[in-house]
Amino acid sequence: MKKCISCKKSISFYAKRCKICSNKSRIGIKMKINRFGKNNPNYKDGRTNKKYYCIDCGKQLSSCYTYLNKTKRCRKCCTIYLYKIQKLKAKGKYNSSWIDGRSFEPYTSKFTEQLKDQIRKRDNHKCRLCNKTQQQELINLKKKLSIHHIDYNKQNCKANNLITTCSKCNAKINFNRDYWFAYFTYLIEG
């Protein structure tokens, strides 16, 4: 009598496996005998038994994770490492908004509270982007509306270069400066 190559039960002479084992292999369930060690089709000289460890915390890694992760770090340490790299790249000249360190320049002595109040009054104490009033800004953030330099030059304090914005819009308009410069220039002239 012939035996099944997987479970060693008696089978007919023309088959290699019994009905149960052949059904399992047909639907994609691999037999345990073929999965581990030397019986694994991917086994190569014991290299599948090599162990990898995280270079930061020493935790053992699975071999498939080390294949995907070239840094040889566990998921937790890799996330922390990438966060630190991004944080370093966001500072100073690596920041996407960096323009020759202009943000560190001081404002001119002409940029006074009296000038700011004149600009706010000209703009009816409203943000020119979202129409948020100064009352709403005082209630929410306990501060007055911001005054923004349209050409991003702190030394240029002419009335046609200044515009009233809320804090949220003022933060938003520091990116894509060319667009906002053109937008506010059109808004002031029109």
C-alpha atoms as a PDB file:
ATOM      1  CA  MET A   1       0.000   0.000   0.000  1.00  0.00           C
ATOM      2  CA  LYS A   2       1.248   3.504  -0.872  1.00  0.00           C
ATOM      3  CA  LYS A   3       1.367   6.238   1.850  1.00  0.00           C
ATOM      4  CA  CYS A   4       0.511   9.973   1.691  1.00  0.00           C
ATOM      5  CA  ILE A   5       3.699  12.089   1.612  1.00  0.00           C
ATOM      6  CA  SER A   6       2.212  14.587   4.083  1.00  0.00           C
ATOM      7  CA  CYS A   7       0.310  12.643   6.733  1.00  0.00           C
ATOM      8  CA  LYS A   8       1.515   9.051   6.045  1.00  0.00           C
ATOM      9  CA  LYS A   9      -2.044   7.611   5.680  1.00  0.00           C
ATOM     10  CA  SER A  10      -2.710   4.789   3.243  1.00  0.00           C
ATOM     11  CA  ILE A  11      -3.775   5.978  -0.206  1.00  0.00           C
ATOM     12  CA  SER A  12      -4.376   4.587  -3.663  1.00  0.00           C
ATOM     13  CA  PHE A  13      -1.383   3.881  -5.915  1.00  0.00           C
ATOM     14  CA  TYR A  14      -1.870   6.710  -8.415  1.00  0.00           C
ATOM     15  CA  ALA A  15      -1.931   9.643  -5.861  1.00  0.00           C
ATOM     16  CA  LYS A  16       0.862  11.319  -3.871  1.00  0.00           C
ATOM     17  CA  ARG A  17      -1.409  12.711  -1.124  1.00  0.00           C
ATOM     18  CA  CYS A  18      -4.679  11.704   0.506  1.00  0.00           C
ATOM     19  CA  LYS A  19      -7.848  13.724  -0.279  1.00  0.00           C
ATOM     20  CA  ILE A  20      -7.555  15.883   2.853  1.00  0.00           C
ATOM     21  CA  CYS A  21      -3.906  16.839   2.242  1.00  0.00           C
ATOM     22  CA  SER A  22      -4.426  17.441  -1.474  1.00  0.00           C
ATOM     23  CA  ASN A  23      -7.395  19.739  -0.750  1.00  0.00           C
ATOM     24  CA  LYS A  24      -5.288  21.686   1.736  1.00  0.00           C
ATOM     25  CA  SER A  25      -2.504  22.178  -0.776  1.00  0.00           C
ATOM     26  CA  ARG A  26      -4.979  23.159  -3.530  1.00  0.00           C
ATOM     27  CA  ILE A  27      -6.566  25.975  -1.503  1.00  0.00           C
ATOM     28  CA  GLY A  28      -3.202  27.445  -0.625  1.00  0.00           C
ATOM     29  CA  ILE A  29      -2.575  26.076   2.865  1.00  0.00           C
ATOM     30  CA  LYS A  30       1.039  24.964   2.952  1.00  0.00           C
ATOM     31  CA  MET A  31       1.876  21.842   4.850  1.00  0.00           C
ATOM     32  CA  LYS A  32       3.914  22.283   8.035  1.00  0.00           C
ATOM     33  CA  ILE A  33       6.412  19.739   6.849  1.00  0.00           C
ATOM     34  CA  ASN A  34       7.358  22.020   3.911  1.00  0.00           C
ATOM     35  CA  ARG A  35       7.592  25.266   5.868  1.00  0.00           C
ATOM     36  CA  PHE A  36      10.461  24.979   8.331  1.00  0.00           C
ATOM     37  CA  GLY A  37      14.198  24.369   8.177  1.00  0.00           C
ATOM     38  CA  LYS A  38      15.666  22.206   5.428  1.00  0.00           C
ATOM     39  CA  ASN A  39      12.213  21.319   4.060  1.00  0.00           C
ATOM     40  CA  ASN A  40      11.528  24.965   3.206  1.00  0.00           C
ATOM     41  CA  PRO A  41      12.017  25.556  -0.531  1.00  0.00           C
ATOM     42  CA  ASN A  42      13.796  28.840   0.275  1.00  0.00           C
ATOM     43  CA  TYR A  43      16.319  27.205   2.624  1.00  0.00           C
ATOM     44  CA  LYS A  44      19.934  28.017   1.718  1.00  0.00           C
ATOM     45  CA  ASP A  45      22.760  26.666   3.861  1.00  0.00           C
ATOM     46  CA  GLY A  46      21.214  27.731   7.176  1.00  0.00           C
ATOM     47  CA  ARG A  47      21.063  31.424   6.233  1.00  0.00           C
ATOM     48  CA  THR A  48      17.371  31.550   7.154  1.00  0.00           C
ATOM     49  CA  ASN A  49      18.391  30.949  10.766  1.00  0.00           C
ATOM     50  CA  LYS A  50      20.501  34.121  10.991  1.00  0.00           C
ATOM     51  CA  LYS A  51      19.227  36.545  13.634  1.00  0.00           C
ATOM     52  CA  TYR A  52      19.192  40.332  13.294  1.00  0.00           C
ATOM     53  CA  TYR A  53      19.017  42.850  16.128  1.00  0.00           C
ATOM     54  CA  CYS A  54      18.014  46.504  16.277  1.00  0.00           C
ATOM     55  CA  ILE A  55      21.113  48.727  16.362  1.00  0.00           C
ATOM     56  CA  ASP A  56      19.443  51.104  18.855  1.00  0.00           C
ATOM     57  CA  CYS A  57      17.577  48.967  21.389  1.00  0.00           C
ATOM     58  CA  GLY A  58      18.940  45.453  20.702  1.00  0.00           C
ATOM     59  CA  LYS A  59      15.504  43.901  20.068  1.00  0.00           C
ATOM     60  CA  GLN A  60      15.545  40.841  17.781  1.00  0.00           C
ATOM     61  CA  LEU A  61      14.130  41.557  14.319  1.00  0.00           C
ATOM     62  CA  SER A  62      12.428  39.214  11.915  1.00  0.00           C
ATOM     63  CA  SER A  63      14.488  38.469   8.803  1.00  0.00           C
ATOM     64  CA  CYS A  64      11.762  39.785   6.475  1.00  0.00           C
ATOM     65  CA  TYR A  65      11.675  43.115   8.338  1.00  0.00           C
ATOM     66  CA  THR A  66      15.434  43.548   8.043  1.00  0.00           C
ATOM     67  CA  TYR A  67      15.172  42.867   4.309  1.00  0.00           C
ATOM     68  CA  LEU A  68      12.632  45.699   3.927  1.00  0.00           C
ATOM     69  CA  ASN A  69      14.237  48.021   6.477  1.00  0.00           C
ATOM     70  CA  LYS A  70      17.776  48.827   5.338  1.00  0.00           C
ATOM     71  CA  THR A  71      18.585  50.749   8.546  1.00  0.00           C
ATOM     72  CA  LYS A  72      18.537  47.620  10.739  1.00  0.00           C
ATOM     73  CA  ARG A  73      16.168  49.208  13.289  1.00  0.00           C
ATOM     74  CA  CYS A  74      12.929  47.948  14.805  1.00  0.00           C
ATOM     75  CA  ARG A  75       9.733  49.809  13.889  1.00  0.00           C
ATOM     76  CA  LYS A  76       9.687  51.864  17.080  1.00  0.00           C
ATOM     77  CA  CYS A  77      13.339  52.959  16.817  1.00  0.00           C
ATOM     78  CA  CYS A  78      13.016  53.574  13.064  1.00  0.00           C
ATOM     79  CA  THR A  79      10.035  55.886  13.678  1.00  0.00           C
ATOM     80  CA  ILE A  80      11.947  57.793  16.366  1.00  0.00           C
ATOM     81  CA  TYR A  81      15.026  58.021  14.121  1.00  0.00           C
ATOM     82  CA  LEU A  82      13.022  59.367  11.153  1.00  0.00           C
ATOM     83  CA  TYR A  83      11.253  61.876  13.410  1.00  0.00           C
ATOM     84  CA  LYS A  84      14.617  63.198  14.660  1.00  0.00           C
ATOM     85  CA  ILE A  85      15.926  63.527  11.089  1.00  0.00           C
ATOM     86  CA  GLN A  86      12.804  65.430   9.981  1.00  0.00           C
ATOM     87  CA  LYS A  87      13.022  67.694  13.012  1.00  0.00           C
ATOM     88  CA  LEU A  88      16.649  68.543  12.209  1.00  0.00           C
ATOM     89  CA  LYS A  89      15.827  69.216   8.559  1.00  0.00           C
ATOM     90  CA  ALA A  90      13.007  71.614   9.522  1.00  0.00           C
ATOM     91  CA  LYS A  91      15.333  74.015  11.349  1.00  0.00           C
ATOM     92  CA  GLY A  92      17.235  76.962   9.957  1.00  0.00           C
ATOM     93  CA  LYS A  93      18.432  76.782   6.381  1.00  0.00           C
ATOM     94  CA  TYR A  94      16.881  73.314   5.934  1.00  0.00           C
ATOM     95  CA  ASN A  95      13.359  74.706   6.433  1.00  0.00           C
ATOM     96  CA  SER A  96      11.297  75.110   3.260  1.00  0.00           C
ATOM     97  CA  SER A  97      10.486  78.747   4.181  1.00  0.00           C
ATOM     98  CA  TRP A  98      14.111  79.754   4.737  1.00  0.00           C
ATOM     99  CA  ILE A  99      15.117  82.928   2.862  1.00  0.00           C
ATOM    100  CA  ASP A 100      18.639  84.003   3.847  1.00  0.00           C
ATOM    101  CA  GLY A 101      17.755  84.337   7.559  1.00  0.00           C
ATOM    102  CA  ARG A 102      15.426  87.312   7.043  1.00  0.00           C
ATOM    103  CA  SER A 103      13.098  86.226   9.836  1.00  0.00           C
ATOM    104  CA  PHE A 104      15.781  87.127  12.395  1.00  0.00           C
ATOM    105  CA  GLU A 105      15.962  90.751  11.230  1.00  0.00           C
ATOM    106  CA  PRO A 106      14.376  93.240  13.659  1.00  0.00           C
ATOM    107  CA  TYR A 107      11.374  95.366  12.721  1.00  0.00           C
ATOM    108  CA  THR A 108      12.041  99.013  11.935  1.00  0.00           C
ATOM    109  CA  SER A 109      11.245 101.723  14.515  1.00  0.00           C
ATOM    110  CA  LYS A 110       8.462 102.987  12.215  1.00  0.00           C
ATOM    111  CA  PHE A 111       6.440  99.798  12.822  1.00  0.00           C
ATOM    112  CA  THR A 112       4.656 101.092  15.944  1.00  0.00           C
ATOM    113  CA  GLU A 113       1.378 100.274  17.671  1.00  0.00           C
ATOM    114  CA  GLN A 114      -0.046 103.539  16.347  1.00  0.00           C
ATOM    115  CA  LEU A 115       0.708 102.483  12.737  1.00  0.00           C
ATOM    116  CA  LYS A 116      -0.773  99.022  13.374  1.00  0.00           C
ATOM    117  CA  ASP A 117      -3.975 100.585  14.769  1.00  0.00           C
ATOM    118  CA  GLN A 118      -4.257 102.807  11.674  1.00  0.00           C
ATOM    119  CA  ILE A 119      -4.009  99.753   9.387  1.00  0.00           C
ATOM    120  CA  ARG A 120      -6.573  97.818  11.472  1.00  0.00           C
ATOM    121  CA  LYS A 121      -8.937 100.806  11.315  1.00  0.00           C
ATOM    122  CA  ARG A 122      -8.435 101.087   7.521  1.00  0.00           C
ATOM    123  CA  ASP A 123      -9.384  97.402   7.188  1.00  0.00           C
ATOM    124  CA  ASN A 124     -12.449  97.803   9.508  1.00  0.00           C
ATOM    125  CA  HIS A 125     -10.843  95.624  12.223  1.00  0.00           C
ATOM    126  CA  LYS A 126     -11.315  92.478  10.092  1.00  0.00           C
ATOM    127  CA  CYS A 127      -8.961  89.891   8.643  1.00  0.00           C
ATOM    128  CA  ARG A 128      -8.734  90.536   4.890  1.00  0.00           C
ATOM    129  CA  LEU A 129      -8.714  86.788   4.132  1.00  0.00           C
ATOM    130  CA  CYS A 130     -11.356  85.193   6.366  1.00  0.00           C
ATOM    131  CA  ASN A 131     -13.217  88.289   7.655  1.00  0.00           C
ATOM    132  CA  LYS A 132     -12.612  87.353  11.289  1.00  0.00           C
ATOM    133  CA  THR A 133     -13.227  90.398  13.498  1.00  0.00           C
ATOM    134  CA  GLN A 134     -10.907  91.749  16.140  1.00  0.00           C
ATOM    135  CA  GLN A 135     -13.558  90.938  18.787  1.00  0.00           C
ATOM    136  CA  GLN A 136     -13.456  87.244  17.798  1.00  0.00           C
ATOM    137  CA  GLU A 137      -9.642  87.249  17.866  1.00  0.00           C
ATOM    138  CA  LEU A 138      -9.639  88.849  21.332  1.00  0.00           C
ATOM    139  CA  ILE A 139     -12.132  86.264  22.646  1.00  0.00           C
ATOM    140  CA  ASN A 140     -10.354  83.254  21.103  1.00  0.00           C
ATOM    141  CA  LEU A 141      -6.662  84.170  21.476  1.00  0.00           C
ATOM    142  CA  LYS A 142      -6.747  87.244  23.744  1.00  0.00           C
ATOM    143  CA  LYS A 143      -4.761  89.339  21.249  1.00  0.00           C
ATOM    144  CA  LYS A 144      -5.352  91.847  18.489  1.00  0.00           C
ATOM    145  CA  LEU A 145      -5.342  91.109  14.766  1.00  0.00           C
ATOM    146  CA  SER A 146      -1.884  90.828  13.160  1.00  0.00           C
ATOM    147  CA  ILE A 147      -0.425  93.248  10.644  1.00  0.00           C
ATOM    148  CA  HIS A 148       1.256  91.519   7.710  1.00  0.00           C
ATOM    149  CA  HIS A 149       3.957  92.929   5.387  1.00  0.00           C
ATOM    150  CA  ILE A 150       2.800  92.091   1.865  1.00  0.00           C
ATOM    151  CA  ASP A 151       6.306  92.051   0.347  1.00  0.00           C
ATOM    152  CA  TYR A 152       7.705  90.224   3.443  1.00  0.00           C
ATOM    153  CA  ASN A 153      10.174  93.085   3.987  1.00  0.00           C
ATOM    154  CA  LYS A 154      10.081  94.241   7.637  1.00  0.00           C
ATOM    155  CA  GLN A 155      11.704  97.555   6.718  1.00  0.00           C
ATOM    156  CA  ASN A 156       8.921  98.573   4.290  1.00  0.00           C
ATOM    157  CA  CYS A 157       6.185 100.089   6.485  1.00  0.00           C
ATOM    158  CA  LYS A 158       4.202 101.966   3.852  1.00  0.00           C
ATOM    159  CA  ALA A 159       0.407 101.750   4.165  1.00  0.00           C
ATOM    160  CA  ASN A 160       0.043  99.996   0.793  1.00  0.00           C
ATOM    161  CA  ASN A 161       2.454  97.258   1.992  1.00  0.00           C
ATOM    162  CA  LEU A 162       0.596  96.445   5.221  1.00  0.00           C
ATOM    163  CA  ILE A 163      -2.600  94.423   5.616  1.00  0.00           C
ATOM    164  CA  THR A 164      -4.652  93.099   8.549  1.00  0.00           C
ATOM    165  CA  THR A 165      -4.821  89.325   9.126  1.00  0.00           C
ATOM    166  CA  CYS A 166      -5.818  87.012  11.953  1.00  0.00           C
ATOM    167  CA  SER A 167      -3.159  84.793  13.542  1.00  0.00           C
ATOM    168  CA  LYS A 168      -4.276  81.679  11.660  1.00  0.00           C
ATOM    169  CA  CYS A 169      -4.202  83.388   8.244  1.00  0.00           C
ATOM    170  CA  ASN A 170      -0.906  85.109   9.078  1.00  0.00           C
ATOM    171  CA  ALA A 171       0.683  81.692   9.649  1.00  0.00           C
ATOM    172  CA  LYS A 172      -0.876  80.347   6.447  1.00  0.00           C
ATOM    173  CA  ILE A 173       0.440  83.145   4.218  1.00  0.00           C
ATOM    174  CA  ASN A 174       4.071  82.554   5.179  1.00  0.00           C
ATOM    175  CA  PHE A 175       4.129  79.665   2.674  1.00  0.00           C
ATOM    176  CA  ASN A 176       3.815  80.081  -1.106  1.00  0.00           C
ATOM    177  CA  ARG A 177       4.933  83.692  -0.774  1.00  0.00           C
ATOM    178  CA  ASP A 178       4.818  84.571  -4.476  1.00  0.00           C
ATOM    179  CA  TYR A 179       1.125  83.707  -4.652  1.00  0.00           C
ATOM    180  CA  TRP A 180       0.211  85.710  -1.527  1.00  0.00           C
ATOM    181  CA  PHE A 181       2.305  88.685  -2.632  1.00  0.00           C
ATOM    182  CA  ALA A 182       0.364  88.849  -5.925  1.00  0.00           C
ATOM    183  CA  TYR A 183      -2.975  88.226  -4.178  1.00  0.00           C
ATOM    184  CA  PHE A 184      -2.568  91.004  -1.594  1.00  0.00           C
ATOM    185  CA  THR A 185      -1.104  93.454  -4.122  1.00  0.00           C
ATOM    186  CA  TYR A 186      -4.236  92.975  -6.243  1.00  0.00           C
ATOM    187  CA  LEU A 187      -6.458  93.261  -3.151  1.00  0.00           C
ATOM    188  CA  ILE A 188      -4.895  96.544  -1.998  1.00  0.00           C
ATOM    189  CA  GLU A 189      -4.917  98.137  -5.455  1.00  0.00           C
ATOM    190  CA  GLY A 190      -8.498  97.057  -6.255  1.00  0.00           C
END
